[in-house]
Amino acid sequence: MRRKYDWRDTSPIANGIMLALLMPASVPYGVMIFASAFMGSVMKYAFGGHHNRIFHPVATAYLFSALCWPSSVLRYPTPTIFGSLSLSSSIGDALDRSFTHYVDVSVSSSSWLDIVWGRLAGPMGTSCIILVLICTIALYCFRDIPAPVLFSSAATEVLLFICFPISATGWQAALYAIVTGSFMYVLTFMVCDPCFTPSNGFGQTLYGIAYALTAFLLRKYSGYEDSSVLALMIVSIFPSEFDRFAIFVIDNLDRFRDFVTTKIRERQIYRRFRKYENLPDNAENSDKTEASETSETVEETESEEAESSADSPEEAADEESTPDTQETEKESDPDEV
């Protein structure tokens, strides 16, 4: 392409390692060469390079290889203690289905030590869950992976397997949700890639929930073993949409909170002023009542005084007429004369 290569870009090395660890140990070299060429040329540089990818190149290359060579990519050698595989391109030993396939059918009889240490049939890098967890904790402590995506995806996956179990139930289903299906491997090294995660914290949480929900639905209803890779292919298209939806939800929540706060404050102010407004009304009513009572008292007093003034002339006349009457009686009495 006559373009100068930036040697500081280590994404080809990381993508090559991640693709190899998703493959079985018995995969032919030709499959890996073709998958790597497809990953770098078609899914990366055809879209403009490392920062212009639409799909995750590792997930796309793995799914392309699984569709083209299912007997080589989806069949795994049975692990044995101190066992070895031939370095030839073709493995003559019998290949078997993955541990995830048998777990989805029925409860496994494998010991917990084998499950934790990854001595199970499956991809080279996803079976040993203890190493994957160590890498997850290290990347989280160095802040290389976003915490909302990591914790929301793991919690959603465990909750879905407990509420809607495929084969096992309870805490056994929660353990199978973490150790099977390449879930933790894809989550740690591919889903949490900063190039595909939303920038908003709430959007990252929605992104992780969508990844876990999609992986669970594909695994439960399609029977695909590595459904987490296909789920990554689906949700990695919409990181910007998750950001927009998160901004929309946050803005509306802020508006609703401001609206509720304003209404509560107005209600408190209304009650306070209503309380102070009732006090003058009561005082005026009491003043009016007292004034009316006073006026009635004054009127009664005036009426009593008027009645008493009307009665006083008659009494005075009676008092004045009393001496004359006595004198008349004295004059009219002959005996006394």
C-alpha atoms as a PDB file:
ATOM      1  CA  MET A   1       0.000   0.000   0.000  1.00  0.00           C
ATOM      2  CA  ARG A   2       3.121   2.236  -0.007  1.00  0.00           C
ATOM      3  CA  ARG A   3       2.381   3.381   3.524  1.00  0.00           C
ATOM      4  CA  LYS A   4       4.942   3.573   6.287  1.00  0.00           C
ATOM      5  CA  TYR A   5       4.202   1.062   9.019  1.00  0.00           C
ATOM      6  CA  ASP A   6       4.086   2.289  12.598  1.00  0.00           C
ATOM      7  CA  TRP A   7       6.168  -0.172  14.611  1.00  0.00           C
ATOM      8  CA  ARG A   8       4.613   1.129  17.823  1.00  0.00           C
ATOM      9  CA  ASP A   9       1.315  -0.478  16.765  1.00  0.00           C
ATOM     10  CA  THR A  10       1.350  -3.832  18.536  1.00  0.00           C
ATOM     11  CA  SER A  11      -2.238  -4.717  17.648  1.00  0.00           C
ATOM     12  CA  PRO A  12      -1.201  -7.354  15.024  1.00  0.00           C
ATOM     13  CA  ILE A  13       0.742  -9.259  17.688  1.00  0.00           C
ATOM     14  CA  ALA A  14      -2.099  -9.056  20.201  1.00  0.00           C
ATOM     15  CA  ASN A  15      -4.704 -10.063  17.613  1.00  0.00           C
ATOM     16  CA  GLY A  16      -2.569 -12.991  16.458  1.00  0.00           C
ATOM     17  CA  ILE A  17      -2.167 -14.288  20.023  1.00  0.00           C
ATOM     18  CA  MET A  18      -5.875 -13.904  20.785  1.00  0.00           C
ATOM     19  CA  LEU A  19      -6.839 -15.738  17.594  1.00  0.00           C
ATOM     20  CA  ALA A  20      -4.427 -18.600  18.324  1.00  0.00           C
ATOM     21  CA  LEU A  21      -5.737 -19.025  21.877  1.00  0.00           C
ATOM     22  CA  LEU A  22      -9.303 -19.305  20.548  1.00  0.00           C
ATOM     23  CA  MET A  23      -8.307 -22.244  18.348  1.00  0.00           C
ATOM     24  CA  PRO A  24      -7.881 -25.889  19.378  1.00  0.00           C
ATOM     25  CA  ALA A  25      -4.394 -27.216  19.824  1.00  0.00           C
ATOM     26  CA  SER A  26      -4.947 -29.539  16.855  1.00  0.00           C
ATOM     27  CA  VAL A  27      -5.864 -26.863  14.311  1.00  0.00           C
ATOM     28  CA  PRO A  28      -4.005 -27.201  10.998  1.00  0.00           C
ATOM     29  CA  TYR A  29      -1.446 -24.551  10.137  1.00  0.00           C
ATOM     30  CA  GLY A  30      -3.190 -23.707   6.884  1.00  0.00           C
ATOM     31  CA  VAL A  31      -6.329 -22.695   8.742  1.00  0.00           C
ATOM     32  CA  MET A  32      -4.355 -20.383  11.001  1.00  0.00           C
ATOM     33  CA  ILE A  33      -2.476 -18.811   8.091  1.00  0.00           C
ATOM     34  CA  PHE A  34      -5.644 -18.158   6.131  1.00  0.00           C
ATOM     35  CA  ALA A  35      -7.500 -16.857   9.210  1.00  0.00           C
ATOM     36  CA  SER A  36      -4.641 -14.495  10.080  1.00  0.00           C
ATOM     37  CA  ALA A  37      -4.449 -13.172   6.506  1.00  0.00           C
ATOM     38  CA  PHE A  38      -8.209 -12.663   6.446  1.00  0.00           C
ATOM     39  CA  MET A  39      -8.087 -10.885   9.808  1.00  0.00           C
ATOM     40  CA  GLY A  40      -5.352  -8.447   8.804  1.00  0.00           C
ATOM     41  CA  SER A  41      -6.249  -7.700   5.202  1.00  0.00           C
ATOM     42  CA  VAL A  42     -10.040  -7.868   5.015  1.00  0.00           C
ATOM     43  CA  MET A  43     -11.266  -7.067   8.544  1.00  0.00           C
ATOM     44  CA  LYS A  44      -8.620  -4.489   9.448  1.00  0.00           C
ATOM     45  CA  TYR A  45      -6.853  -2.666   6.625  1.00  0.00           C
ATOM     46  CA  ALA A  46      -9.776  -2.831   4.213  1.00  0.00           C
ATOM     47  CA  PHE A  47     -11.688  -0.606   6.634  1.00  0.00           C
ATOM     48  CA  GLY A  48      -8.840   1.865   7.089  1.00  0.00           C
ATOM     49  CA  GLY A  49      -6.598   0.399   9.764  1.00  0.00           C
ATOM     50  CA  HIS A  50      -6.567  -0.131  13.497  1.00  0.00           C
ATOM     51  CA  HIS A  51      -8.723   2.852  14.495  1.00  0.00           C
ATOM     52  CA  ASN A  52     -11.373   2.407  11.771  1.00  0.00           C
ATOM     53  CA  ARG A  53     -12.540  -1.129  12.448  1.00  0.00           C
ATOM     54  CA  ILE A  54     -16.247  -1.892  12.377  1.00  0.00           C
ATOM     55  CA  PHE A  55     -16.079  -5.485  13.631  1.00  0.00           C
ATOM     56  CA  HIS A  56     -13.558  -7.022  15.946  1.00  0.00           C
ATOM     57  CA  PRO A  57     -11.025  -8.672  13.589  1.00  0.00           C
ATOM     58  CA  VAL A  58     -10.264 -11.612  15.902  1.00  0.00           C
ATOM     59  CA  ALA A  59     -13.924 -12.519  16.333  1.00  0.00           C
ATOM     60  CA  THR A  60     -14.566 -12.200  12.606  1.00  0.00           C
ATOM     61  CA  ALA A  61     -11.574 -14.354  11.670  1.00  0.00           C
ATOM     62  CA  TYR A  62     -12.536 -17.045  14.176  1.00  0.00           C
ATOM     63  CA  LEU A  63     -16.150 -17.190  12.993  1.00  0.00           C
ATOM     64  CA  PHE A  64     -15.032 -17.292   9.369  1.00  0.00           C
ATOM     65  CA  SER A  65     -12.721 -20.213  10.143  1.00  0.00           C
ATOM     66  CA  ALA A  66     -15.426 -22.032  12.119  1.00  0.00           C
ATOM     67  CA  LEU A  67     -17.828 -21.721   9.180  1.00  0.00           C
ATOM     68  CA  CYS A  68     -15.263 -22.846   6.616  1.00  0.00           C
ATOM     69  CA  TRP A  69     -13.546 -25.636   8.599  1.00  0.00           C
ATOM     70  CA  PRO A  70     -15.903 -26.709  11.416  1.00  0.00           C
ATOM     71  CA  SER A  71     -14.329 -30.151  11.810  1.00  0.00           C
ATOM     72  CA  SER A  72     -10.919 -28.569  12.433  1.00  0.00           C
ATOM     73  CA  VAL A  73     -11.949 -25.524  14.469  1.00  0.00           C
ATOM     74  CA  LEU A  74     -14.820 -26.939  16.544  1.00  0.00           C
ATOM     75  CA  ARG A  75     -13.235 -30.294  17.422  1.00  0.00           C
ATOM     76  CA  TYR A  76     -10.695 -30.588  20.217  1.00  0.00           C
ATOM     77  CA  PRO A  77      -8.175 -33.192  21.369  1.00  0.00           C
ATOM     78  CA  THR A  78      -8.848 -34.838  24.714  1.00  0.00           C
ATOM     79  CA  PRO A  79      -6.376 -33.495  27.309  1.00  0.00           C
ATOM     80  CA  THR A  80      -4.229 -36.059  29.102  1.00  0.00           C
ATOM     81  CA  ILE A  81      -1.662 -35.723  31.871  1.00  0.00           C
ATOM     82  CA  PHE A  82       1.830 -35.306  30.368  1.00  0.00           C
ATOM     83  CA  GLY A  83       0.265 -35.779  26.946  1.00  0.00           C
ATOM     84  CA  SER A  84       1.653 -34.375  23.700  1.00  0.00           C
ATOM     85  CA  LEU A  85       0.489 -33.619  20.181  1.00  0.00           C
ATOM     86  CA  SER A  86       2.312 -34.059  16.916  1.00  0.00           C
ATOM     87  CA  LEU A  87       3.675 -30.948  15.215  1.00  0.00           C
ATOM     88  CA  SER A  88       2.411 -32.140  11.854  1.00  0.00           C
ATOM     89  CA  SER A  89      -0.420 -30.254  10.204  1.00  0.00           C
ATOM     90  CA  SER A  90      -2.876 -33.139  10.610  1.00  0.00           C
ATOM     91  CA  ILE A  91      -3.697 -34.855  13.878  1.00  0.00           C
ATOM     92  CA  GLY A  92      -4.467 -38.529  13.640  1.00  0.00           C
ATOM     93  CA  ASP A  93      -5.931 -38.801  17.124  1.00  0.00           C
ATOM     94  CA  ALA A  94      -9.665 -38.754  17.583  1.00  0.00           C
ATOM     95  CA  LEU A  95     -11.087 -35.292  18.208  1.00  0.00           C
ATOM     96  CA  ASP A  96     -14.045 -34.641  20.482  1.00  0.00           C
ATOM     97  CA  ARG A  97     -16.628 -31.931  21.126  1.00  0.00           C
ATOM     98  CA  SER A  98     -15.888 -29.256  23.699  1.00  0.00           C
ATOM     99  CA  PHE A  99     -16.683 -29.344  27.392  1.00  0.00           C
ATOM    100  CA  THR A 100     -19.186 -26.530  26.788  1.00  0.00           C
ATOM    101  CA  HIS A 101     -21.179 -28.730  24.405  1.00  0.00           C
ATOM    102  CA  TYR A 102     -21.566 -31.521  26.949  1.00  0.00           C
ATOM    103  CA  VAL A 103     -22.388 -29.097  29.759  1.00  0.00           C
ATOM    104  CA  ASP A 104     -25.230 -27.621  27.727  1.00  0.00           C
ATOM    105  CA  VAL A 105     -26.665 -31.103  27.235  1.00  0.00           C
ATOM    106  CA  SER A 106     -26.341 -32.417  30.803  1.00  0.00           C
ATOM    107  CA  VAL A 107     -24.479 -31.875  34.037  1.00  0.00           C
ATOM    108  CA  SER A 108     -20.810 -32.784  33.706  1.00  0.00           C
ATOM    109  CA  SER A 109     -19.144 -35.444  35.823  1.00  0.00           C
ATOM    110  CA  SER A 110     -15.736 -33.750  35.683  1.00  0.00           C
ATOM    111  CA  SER A 111     -14.122 -32.855  38.988  1.00  0.00           C
ATOM    112  CA  TRP A 112     -13.946 -29.284  40.186  1.00  0.00           C
ATOM    113  CA  LEU A 113     -10.154 -29.380  40.093  1.00  0.00           C
ATOM    114  CA  ASP A 114     -10.210 -30.261  36.393  1.00  0.00           C
ATOM    115  CA  ILE A 115     -12.687 -27.457  35.724  1.00  0.00           C
ATOM    116  CA  VAL A 116     -10.649 -24.837  37.602  1.00  0.00           C
ATOM    117  CA  TRP A 117      -7.328 -25.866  36.072  1.00  0.00           C
ATOM    118  CA  GLY A 118      -8.834 -26.225  32.610  1.00  0.00           C
ATOM    119  CA  ARG A 119      -8.028 -29.856  31.939  1.00  0.00           C
ATOM    120  CA  LEU A 120     -10.969 -29.993  29.601  1.00  0.00           C
ATOM    121  CA  ALA A 121     -11.562 -30.247  25.883  1.00  0.00           C
ATOM    122  CA  GLY A 122     -11.768 -26.763  24.419  1.00  0.00           C
ATOM    123  CA  PRO A 123      -9.795 -23.848  22.974  1.00  0.00           C
ATOM    124  CA  MET A 124      -6.195 -23.513  24.082  1.00  0.00           C
ATOM    125  CA  GLY A 125      -6.543 -20.234  25.962  1.00  0.00           C
ATOM    126  CA  THR A 126     -10.070 -20.299  27.329  1.00  0.00           C
ATOM    127  CA  SER A 127     -10.193 -23.554  29.280  1.00  0.00           C
ATOM    128  CA  CYS A 128      -7.801 -22.687  32.125  1.00  0.00           C
ATOM    129  CA  ILE A 129     -10.115 -20.334  33.950  1.00  0.00           C
ATOM    130  CA  ILE A 130      -7.649 -19.668  36.772  1.00  0.00           C
ATOM    131  CA  LEU A 131      -5.171 -18.030  34.358  1.00  0.00           C
ATOM    132  CA  VAL A 132      -7.941 -16.028  32.708  1.00  0.00           C
ATOM    133  CA  LEU A 133      -9.075 -14.709  36.103  1.00  0.00           C
ATOM    134  CA  ILE A 134      -5.511 -13.750  37.023  1.00  0.00           C
ATOM    135  CA  CYS A 135      -5.182 -11.785  33.773  1.00  0.00           C
ATOM    136  CA  THR A 136      -8.571 -10.157  34.374  1.00  0.00           C
ATOM    137  CA  ILE A 137      -7.605  -9.010  37.874  1.00  0.00           C
ATOM    138  CA  ALA A 138      -4.246  -7.705  36.630  1.00  0.00           C
ATOM    139  CA  LEU A 139      -5.782  -5.731  33.762  1.00  0.00           C
ATOM    140  CA  TYR A 140      -8.439  -4.346  36.061  1.00  0.00           C
ATOM    141  CA  CYS A 141      -5.860  -3.213  38.639  1.00  0.00           C
ATOM    142  CA  PHE A 142      -3.839  -1.505  35.896  1.00  0.00           C
ATOM    143  CA  ARG A 143      -7.066   0.146  34.644  1.00  0.00           C
ATOM    144  CA  ASP A 144      -6.652  -1.296  31.156  1.00  0.00           C
ATOM    145  CA  ILE A 145     -10.239  -2.565  31.023  1.00  0.00           C
ATOM    146  CA  PRO A 146     -13.355  -0.568  31.961  1.00  0.00           C
ATOM    147  CA  ALA A 147     -14.929  -1.745  35.196  1.00  0.00           C
ATOM    148  CA  PRO A 148     -18.600  -1.134  34.154  1.00  0.00           C
ATOM    149  CA  VAL A 149     -18.263  -3.488  31.182  1.00  0.00           C
ATOM    150  CA  LEU A 150     -16.491  -6.178  33.197  1.00  0.00           C
ATOM    151  CA  PHE A 151     -18.780  -6.268  36.222  1.00  0.00           C
ATOM    152  CA  SER A 152     -22.069  -5.716  34.390  1.00  0.00           C
ATOM    153  CA  SER A 153     -21.325  -8.546  31.934  1.00  0.00           C
ATOM    154  CA  ALA A 154     -20.222 -11.033  34.596  1.00  0.00           C
ATOM    155  CA  ALA A 155     -23.155 -10.240  36.898  1.00  0.00           C
ATOM    156  CA  THR A 156     -25.691 -10.453  34.058  1.00  0.00           C
ATOM    157  CA  GLU A 157     -24.320 -13.784  32.809  1.00  0.00           C
ATOM    158  CA  VAL A 158     -24.365 -15.375  36.261  1.00  0.00           C
ATOM    159  CA  LEU A 159     -27.871 -14.061  36.970  1.00  0.00           C
ATOM    160  CA  LEU A 160     -29.220 -15.370  33.658  1.00  0.00           C
ATOM    161  CA  PHE A 161     -27.751 -18.848  34.195  1.00  0.00           C
ATOM    162  CA  ILE A 162     -29.226 -18.997  37.701  1.00  0.00           C
ATOM    163  CA  CYS A 163     -32.696 -17.748  36.726  1.00  0.00           C
ATOM    164  CA  PHE A 164     -32.896 -19.637  33.405  1.00  0.00           C
ATOM    165  CA  PRO A 165     -30.606 -22.674  33.757  1.00  0.00           C
ATOM    166  CA  ILE A 166     -29.605 -24.676  30.708  1.00  0.00           C
ATOM    167  CA  SER A 167     -28.610 -27.913  32.448  1.00  0.00           C
ATOM    168  CA  ALA A 168     -27.250 -27.251  35.941  1.00  0.00           C
ATOM    169  CA  THR A 169     -28.946 -25.183  38.628  1.00  0.00           C
ATOM    170  CA  GLY A 170     -27.926 -22.952  41.512  1.00  0.00           C
ATOM    171  CA  TRP A 171     -24.290 -22.221  42.211  1.00  0.00           C
ATOM    172  CA  GLN A 172     -23.224 -24.916  39.731  1.00  0.00           C
ATOM    173  CA  ALA A 173     -24.962 -23.014  36.951  1.00  0.00           C
ATOM    174  CA  ALA A 174     -23.178 -19.824  38.070  1.00  0.00           C
ATOM    175  CA  LEU A 175     -19.833 -21.610  37.848  1.00  0.00           C
ATOM    176  CA  TYR A 176     -20.604 -22.996  34.389  1.00  0.00           C
ATOM    177  CA  ALA A 177     -21.551 -19.484  33.246  1.00  0.00           C
ATOM    178  CA  ILE A 178     -18.018 -18.274  34.012  1.00  0.00           C
ATOM    179  CA  VAL A 179     -15.840 -21.219  32.967  1.00  0.00           C
ATOM    180  CA  THR A 180     -17.601 -22.393  29.795  1.00  0.00           C
ATOM    181  CA  GLY A 181     -18.271 -20.936  26.384  1.00  0.00           C
ATOM    182  CA  SER A 182     -15.052 -18.852  26.349  1.00  0.00           C
ATOM    183  CA  PHE A 183     -17.085 -16.193  28.119  1.00  0.00           C
ATOM    184  CA  MET A 184     -14.462 -14.780  30.475  1.00  0.00           C
ATOM    185  CA  TYR A 185     -11.711 -14.967  27.867  1.00  0.00           C
ATOM    186  CA  VAL A 186     -13.724 -13.020  25.281  1.00  0.00           C
ATOM    187  CA  LEU A 187     -14.935 -10.578  27.923  1.00  0.00           C
ATOM    188  CA  THR A 188     -11.467  -9.782  29.262  1.00  0.00           C
ATOM    189  CA  PHE A 189      -9.432  -9.559  26.061  1.00  0.00           C
ATOM    190  CA  MET A 190     -11.958  -8.623  23.383  1.00  0.00           C
ATOM    191  CA  VAL A 191     -15.159  -7.120  24.756  1.00  0.00           C
ATOM    192  CA  CYS A 192     -13.247  -4.744  27.054  1.00  0.00           C
ATOM    193  CA  ASP A 193     -11.108  -3.490  24.167  1.00  0.00           C
ATOM    194  CA  PRO A 194     -11.171   0.340  24.453  1.00  0.00           C
ATOM    195  CA  CYS A 195     -11.636   0.623  20.680  1.00  0.00           C
ATOM    196  CA  PHE A 196     -15.083  -0.987  20.917  1.00  0.00           C
ATOM    197  CA  THR A 197     -16.398   0.088  24.320  1.00  0.00           C
ATOM    198  CA  PRO A 198     -18.556   3.206  24.730  1.00  0.00           C
ATOM    199  CA  SER A 199     -17.004   6.258  26.355  1.00  0.00           C
ATOM    200  CA  ASN A 200     -19.827   6.906  28.824  1.00  0.00           C
ATOM    201  CA  GLY A 201     -19.955   4.910  32.061  1.00  0.00           C
ATOM    202  CA  PHE A 202     -23.687   4.218  31.784  1.00  0.00           C
ATOM    203  CA  GLY A 203     -23.212   3.292  28.119  1.00  0.00           C
ATOM    204  CA  GLN A 204     -20.457   0.850  29.102  1.00  0.00           C
ATOM    205  CA  THR A 205     -22.822  -0.787  31.590  1.00  0.00           C
ATOM    206  CA  LEU A 206     -25.485  -1.179  28.902  1.00  0.00           C
ATOM    207  CA  TYR A 207     -22.842  -2.523  26.520  1.00  0.00           C
ATOM    208  CA  GLY A 208     -21.791  -5.207  29.010  1.00  0.00           C
ATOM    209  CA  ILE A 209     -25.380  -6.198  29.743  1.00  0.00           C
ATOM    210  CA  ALA A 210     -26.163  -6.449  26.030  1.00  0.00           C
ATOM    211  CA  TYR A 211     -23.112  -8.650  25.439  1.00  0.00           C
ATOM    212  CA  ALA A 212     -23.999 -11.081  28.238  1.00  0.00           C
ATOM    213  CA  LEU A 213     -27.671 -11.212  27.252  1.00  0.00           C
ATOM    214  CA  THR A 214     -26.868 -11.842  23.585  1.00  0.00           C
ATOM    215  CA  ALA A 215     -24.346 -14.560  24.430  1.00  0.00           C
ATOM    216  CA  PHE A 216     -26.843 -16.308  26.718  1.00  0.00           C
ATOM    217  CA  LEU A 217     -29.674 -16.222  24.184  1.00  0.00           C
ATOM    218  CA  LEU A 218     -27.469 -17.542  21.381  1.00  0.00           C
ATOM    219  CA  ARG A 219     -26.121 -20.312  23.562  1.00  0.00           C
ATOM    220  CA  LYS A 220     -29.516 -21.355  24.907  1.00  0.00           C
ATOM    221  CA  TYR A 221     -31.542 -21.293  21.687  1.00  0.00           C
ATOM    222  CA  SER A 222     -28.955 -21.893  18.937  1.00  0.00           C
ATOM    223  CA  GLY A 223     -26.716 -24.435  20.648  1.00  0.00           C
ATOM    224  CA  TYR A 224     -23.568 -22.706  19.373  1.00  0.00           C
ATOM    225  CA  GLU A 225     -20.617 -23.517  21.618  1.00  0.00           C
ATOM    226  CA  ASP A 226     -18.679 -20.251  21.402  1.00  0.00           C
ATOM    227  CA  SER A 227     -21.705 -17.990  21.384  1.00  0.00           C
ATOM    228  CA  SER A 228     -19.752 -15.272  23.185  1.00  0.00           C
ATOM    229  CA  VAL A 229     -17.671 -14.628  20.040  1.00  0.00           C
ATOM    230  CA  LEU A 230     -20.781 -14.214  17.913  1.00  0.00           C
ATOM    231  CA  ALA A 231     -22.339 -12.002  20.593  1.00  0.00           C
ATOM    232  CA  LEU A 232     -19.264  -9.761  20.438  1.00  0.00           C
ATOM    233  CA  MET A 233     -19.689  -9.502  16.672  1.00  0.00           C
ATOM    234  CA  ILE A 234     -23.239  -8.241  17.187  1.00  0.00           C
ATOM    235  CA  VAL A 235     -22.802  -5.761  20.037  1.00  0.00           C
ATOM    236  CA  SER A 236     -19.478  -4.323  18.769  1.00  0.00           C
ATOM    237  CA  ILE A 237     -21.440  -2.560  16.026  1.00  0.00           C
ATOM    238  CA  PHE A 238     -23.377  -0.358  18.449  1.00  0.00           C
ATOM    239  CA  PRO A 239     -20.984   1.329  20.925  1.00  0.00           C
ATOM    240  CA  SER A 240     -21.858   4.801  19.641  1.00  0.00           C
ATOM    241  CA  GLU A 241     -25.565   3.983  19.892  1.00  0.00           C
ATOM    242  CA  PHE A 242     -25.111   2.950  23.502  1.00  0.00           C
ATOM    243  CA  ASP A 243     -23.393   6.285  24.131  1.00  0.00           C
ATOM    244  CA  ARG A 244     -26.246   8.213  22.549  1.00  0.00           C
ATOM    245  CA  PHE A 245     -28.861   6.268  24.447  1.00  0.00           C
ATOM    246  CA  ALA A 246     -26.960   6.780  27.706  1.00  0.00           C
ATOM    247  CA  ILE A 247     -26.738  10.539  27.103  1.00  0.00           C
ATOM    248  CA  PHE A 248     -30.456  10.624  26.251  1.00  0.00           C
ATOM    249  CA  VAL A 249     -31.402   8.744  29.417  1.00  0.00           C
ATOM    250  CA  ILE A 250     -29.102  10.835  31.635  1.00  0.00           C
ATOM    251  CA  ASP A 251     -30.434  14.111  30.208  1.00  0.00           C
ATOM    252  CA  ASN A 252     -34.041  13.054  30.715  1.00  0.00           C
ATOM    253  CA  LEU A 253     -33.306  11.833  34.228  1.00  0.00           C
ATOM    254  CA  ASP A 254     -31.681  15.184  35.022  1.00  0.00           C
ATOM    255  CA  ARG A 255     -34.695  17.032  33.650  1.00  0.00           C
ATOM    256  CA  PHE A 256     -37.079  14.852  35.598  1.00  0.00           C
ATOM    257  CA  ARG A 257     -35.034  15.347  38.757  1.00  0.00           C
ATOM    258  CA  ASP A 258     -35.011  19.121  38.254  1.00  0.00           C
ATOM    259  CA  PHE A 259     -38.750  19.075  37.590  1.00  0.00           C
ATOM    260  CA  VAL A 260     -39.489  17.067  40.727  1.00  0.00           C
ATOM    261  CA  THR A 261     -37.142  19.218  42.817  1.00  0.00           C
ATOM    262  CA  THR A 262     -38.773  22.401  41.530  1.00  0.00           C
ATOM    263  CA  LYS A 263     -42.261  21.099  42.227  1.00  0.00           C
ATOM    264  CA  ILE A 264     -41.336  20.015  45.746  1.00  0.00           C
ATOM    265  CA  ARG A 265     -39.733  23.373  46.436  1.00  0.00           C
ATOM    266  CA  GLU A 266     -42.757  25.244  45.083  1.00  0.00           C
ATOM    267  CA  ARG A 267     -45.046  23.101  47.190  1.00  0.00           C
ATOM    268  CA  GLN A 268     -43.029  23.843  50.321  1.00  0.00           C
ATOM    269  CA  ILE A 269     -43.021  27.580  49.565  1.00  0.00           C
ATOM    270  CA  TYR A 270     -46.770  27.489  48.905  1.00  0.00           C
ATOM    271  CA  ARG A 271     -47.457  25.743  52.210  1.00  0.00           C
ATOM    272  CA  ARG A 272     -45.233  28.187  54.077  1.00  0.00           C
ATOM    273  CA  PHE A 273     -46.894  31.265  52.574  1.00  0.00           C
ATOM    274  CA  ARG A 274     -50.292  29.692  53.006  1.00  0.00           C
ATOM    275  CA  LYS A 275     -49.551  29.300  56.685  1.00  0.00           C
ATOM    276  CA  TYR A 276     -48.463  32.923  57.025  1.00  0.00           C
ATOM    277  CA  GLU A 277     -51.413  34.079  54.930  1.00  0.00           C
ATOM    278  CA  ASN A 278     -53.948  32.498  57.245  1.00  0.00           C
ATOM    279  CA  LEU A 279     -52.675  34.372  60.308  1.00  0.00           C
ATOM    280  CA  PRO A 280     -53.811  37.917  59.208  1.00  0.00           C
ATOM    281  CA  ASP A 281     -57.190  36.555  58.142  1.00  0.00           C
ATOM    282  CA  ASN A 282     -57.786  35.149  61.584  1.00  0.00           C
ATOM    283  CA  ALA A 283     -56.646  38.395  63.202  1.00  0.00           C
ATOM    284  CA  GLU A 284     -58.995  40.453  61.013  1.00  0.00           C
ATOM    285  CA  ASN A 285     -61.867  38.113  61.738  1.00  0.00           C
ATOM    286  CA  SER A 286     -61.193  38.331  65.476  1.00  0.00           C
ATOM    287  CA  ASP A 287     -60.996  42.135  65.241  1.00  0.00           C
ATOM    288  CA  LYS A 288     -64.265  42.220  63.360  1.00  0.00           C
ATOM    289  CA  THR A 289     -65.864  39.929  65.909  1.00  0.00           C
ATOM    290  CA  GLU A 290     -64.649  42.069  68.770  1.00  0.00           C
ATOM    291  CA  ALA A 291     -65.810  45.227  67.005  1.00  0.00           C
ATOM    292  CA  SER A 292     -69.238  43.760  66.371  1.00  0.00           C
ATOM    293  CA  GLU A 293     -69.492  42.598  69.970  1.00  0.00           C
ATOM    294  CA  THR A 294     -68.422  46.050  71.176  1.00  0.00           C
ATOM    295  CA  SER A 295     -70.946  47.779  68.945  1.00  0.00           C
ATOM    296  CA  GLU A 296     -73.685  45.457  70.143  1.00  0.00           C
ATOM    297  CA  THR A 297     -72.690  46.194  73.761  1.00  0.00           C
ATOM    298  CA  VAL A 298     -72.728  49.934  73.079  1.00  0.00           C
ATOM    299  CA  GLU A 299     -76.132  49.716  71.428  1.00  0.00           C
ATOM    300  CA  GLU A 300     -77.514  47.716  74.328  1.00  0.00           C
ATOM    301  CA  THR A 301     -76.097  50.261  76.773  1.00  0.00           C
ATOM    302  CA  GLU A 302     -77.559  53.158  74.816  1.00  0.00           C
ATOM    303  CA  SER A 303     -80.925  51.454  74.621  1.00  0.00           C
ATOM    304  CA  GLU A 304     -80.893  50.837  78.343  1.00  0.00           C
ATOM    305  CA  GLU A 305     -79.943  54.434  78.983  1.00  0.00           C
ATOM    306  CA  ALA A 306     -82.710  55.589  76.652  1.00  0.00           C
ATOM    307  CA  GLU A 307     -85.242  53.451  78.452  1.00  0.00           C
ATOM    308  CA  SER A 308     -84.057  54.708  81.806  1.00  0.00           C
ATOM    309  CA  SER A 309     -84.249  58.308  80.583  1.00  0.00           C
ATOM    310  CA  ALA A 310     -87.759  57.695  79.310  1.00  0.00           C
ATOM    311  CA  ASP A 311     -88.871  56.316  82.684  1.00  0.00           C
ATOM    312  CA  SER A 312     -87.315  59.102  84.861  1.00  0.00           C
ATOM    313  CA  PRO A 313     -89.829  61.978  84.065  1.00  0.00           C
ATOM    314  CA  GLU A 314     -92.771  59.870  85.174  1.00  0.00           C
ATOM    315  CA  GLU A 315     -91.028  58.966  88.402  1.00  0.00           C
ATOM    316  CA  ALA A 316     -90.153  62.625  88.942  1.00  0.00           C
ATOM    317  CA  ALA A 317     -93.752  63.596  88.325  1.00  0.00           C
ATOM    318  CA  ASP A 318     -94.897  61.004  90.806  1.00  0.00           C
ATOM    319  CA  GLU A 319     -92.405  62.284  93.302  1.00  0.00           C
ATOM    320  CA  GLU A 320     -93.515  65.917  92.756  1.00  0.00           C
ATOM    321  CA  SER A 321     -97.190  65.063  93.061  1.00  0.00           C
ATOM    322  CA  THR A 322     -96.852  63.291  96.328  1.00  0.00           C
ATOM    323  CA  PRO A 323     -96.594  66.388  98.641  1.00  0.00           C
ATOM    324  CA  ASP A 324     -99.626  68.137  97.057  1.00  0.00           C
ATOM    325  CA  THR A 325    -101.674  65.069  97.479  1.00  0.00           C
ATOM    326  CA  GLN A 326    -100.763  64.930 101.124  1.00  0.00           C
ATOM    327  CA  GLU A 327    -101.695  68.585 101.598  1.00  0.00           C
ATOM    328  CA  THR A 328    -105.001  68.031  99.827  1.00  0.00           C
ATOM    329  CA  GLU A 329    -105.743  65.108 102.046  1.00  0.00           C
ATOM    330  CA  LYS A 330    -104.938  67.201 105.113  1.00  0.00           C
ATOM    331  CA  GLU A 331    -107.258  69.983 103.968  1.00  0.00           C
ATOM    332  CA  SER A 332    -110.051  67.587 103.139  1.00  0.00           C
ATOM    333  CA  ASP A 333    -109.972  65.800 106.472  1.00  0.00           C
ATOM    334  CA  PRO A 334    -112.537  67.566 108.817  1.00  0.00           C
ATOM    335  CA  ASP A 335    -111.626  65.689 111.909  1.00  0.00           C
ATOM    336  CA  GLU A 336    -108.058  66.758 111.799  1.00  0.00           C
ATOM    337  CA  VAL A 337    -109.188  70.317 111.220  1.00  0.00           C
END
